[in-house]
Amino acid sequence: MIKKKKLQNHTKVYFNFFGYDESSYIDCEMECGSRAVDIHHIERRNKTKNDFIENLVGLCRDCHINCNDSSFNMYVRIKHLENVCVQVYALIKLNEQLDENRK
């Protein structure tokens, strides 16, 4: 029997927020055209001590490696926060539609 690898907490937080599961194809958030294979902590986990969605970004391996460059890491932070805002806006609109349907 093949044992399923247990998802780390930060991966669960990321998947739950964006509505993914383990079988989802996730694009790298940097829109480089590659598949995200890593959920990266923008600020080091040992510094922030949290797994908040604002600090978690889905990246391909190349973009993850490039995060060692502070300029690129800042770009990652900005791009990810844009993606979070888009998701929050979509959730607000969905809730508004659900409220309208209940009336």
Protein backbone atom coordinates (compact mmCIF):
# COMPACT_ATOMS: atom_id res chain seq x y z
CA MET A 1 0.00 0.00 0.00
CA ILE A 2 1.30 3.45 -0.94
CA LYS A 3 1.16 5.88 1.93
CA LYS A 4 -0.10 9.38 1.14
CA LYS A 5 2.24 12.15 2.17
CA LYS A 6 0.67 14.34 4.85
CA LEU A 7 0.28 17.96 3.77
CA GLN A 8 2.14 20.51 5.84
CA ASN A 9 0.01 23.12 7.60
CA HIS A 10 1.11 26.00 5.37
CA THR A 11 0.19 23.97 2.28
CA LYS A 12 -3.27 23.27 3.74
CA VAL A 13 -3.78 26.99 4.45
CA TYR A 14 -2.81 27.89 0.87
CA PHE A 15 -4.97 25.16 -0.70
CA ASN A 16 -8.00 26.06 1.45
CA PHE A 17 -7.79 29.77 0.66
CA PHE A 18 -7.56 29.32 -3.10
CA GLY A 19 -9.89 26.30 -3.25
CA TYR A 20 -7.26 23.77 -4.37
CA ASP A 21 -6.80 20.14 -3.42
CA GLU A 22 -3.91 17.74 -3.80
CA SER A 23 -4.88 16.89 -7.38
CA SER A 24 -5.11 20.53 -8.53
CA TYR A 25 -2.79 21.93 -11.17
CA ILE A 26 -1.54 25.19 -9.65
CA ASP A 27 0.11 27.82 -11.83
CA CYS A 28 3.15 29.61 -10.48
CA GLU A 29 1.86 32.91 -9.12
CA MET A 30 4.62 34.77 -10.98
CA GLU A 31 2.83 33.87 -14.24
CA CYS A 32 5.99 32.40 -15.75
CA GLY A 33 3.99 29.58 -17.33
CA SER A 34 5.29 26.86 -15.03
CA ARG A 35 3.52 24.71 -12.48
CA ALA A 36 3.79 25.69 -8.82
CA VAL A 37 5.58 22.94 -6.93
CA ASP A 38 6.44 24.82 -3.73
CA ILE A 39 4.39 26.81 -1.26
CA HIS A 40 6.93 29.43 -0.22
CA HIS A 41 6.96 31.56 2.94
CA ILE A 42 7.65 35.10 1.69
CA GLU A 43 8.97 36.11 5.11
CA ARG A 44 10.91 33.30 6.72
CA ARG A 45 8.70 31.12 8.87
CA ASN A 46 11.15 31.25 11.76
CA LYS A 47 10.81 35.04 11.73
CA THR A 48 7.01 35.34 11.46
CA LYS A 49 5.99 32.15 13.33
CA ASN A 50 2.80 31.94 11.24
CA ASP A 51 1.22 30.39 8.19
CA PHE A 52 -1.04 33.31 7.20
CA ILE A 53 -2.11 33.37 3.56
CA GLU A 54 -0.49 36.80 3.13
CA ASN A 55 2.86 35.10 3.70
CA LEU A 56 2.33 32.02 1.48
CA VAL A 57 2.83 31.92 -2.27
CA GLY A 58 2.72 29.10 -4.83
CA LEU A 59 5.89 29.06 -6.94
CA CYS A 60 7.64 26.93 -9.51
CA ARG A 61 11.11 25.73 -8.55
CA ASP A 62 12.96 28.43 -10.57
CA CYS A 63 10.95 31.30 -9.06
CA HIS A 64 11.37 29.79 -5.60
CA ILE A 65 15.14 29.72 -6.06
CA ASN A 66 15.07 33.34 -7.32
CA CYS A 67 13.42 34.42 -4.05
CA ASN A 68 16.92 34.54 -2.55
CA ASP A 69 17.21 37.85 -4.42
CA SER A 70 15.57 40.50 -2.21
CA SER A 71 14.26 42.50 -5.21
CA PHE A 72 12.57 39.45 -6.68
CA ASN A 73 11.19 38.47 -3.28
CA MET A 74 9.60 41.95 -2.99
CA TYR A 75 8.03 41.46 -6.43
CA VAL A 76 6.73 38.07 -5.25
CA ARG A 77 5.17 39.73 -2.20
CA ILE A 78 3.39 42.39 -4.30
CA LYS A 79 2.18 39.93 -6.95
CA HIS A 80 0.90 37.52 -4.31
CA LEU A 81 -1.00 40.24 -2.43
CA GLU A 82 -2.68 41.19 -5.73
CA ASN A 83 -3.74 37.54 -6.13
CA VAL A 84 -5.06 37.43 -2.56
CA CYS A 85 -7.08 40.63 -3.17
CA VAL A 86 -8.60 39.14 -6.34
CA GLN A 87 -9.63 36.03 -4.41
CA VAL A 88 -11.12 38.06 -1.54
CA TYR A 89 -13.06 40.21 -4.02
CA ALA A 90 -14.42 37.09 -5.73
CA LEU A 91 -15.53 35.70 -2.36
CA ILE A 92 -17.27 38.97 -1.47
CA LYS A 93 -19.11 38.96 -4.81
CA LEU A 94 -20.11 35.32 -4.33
CA ASN A 95 -21.50 36.10 -0.87
CA GLU A 96 -23.45 39.05 -2.27
CA GLN A 97 -24.98 36.77 -4.94
CA LEU A 98 -25.90 34.18 -2.32
CA ASP A 99 -27.54 36.89 -0.21
CA GLU A 100 -29.54 38.07 -3.22
CA ASN A 101 -30.70 34.54 -3.96
CA ARG A 102 -31.92 34.12 -0.38
CA LYS A 103 -34.24 37.13 -0.69
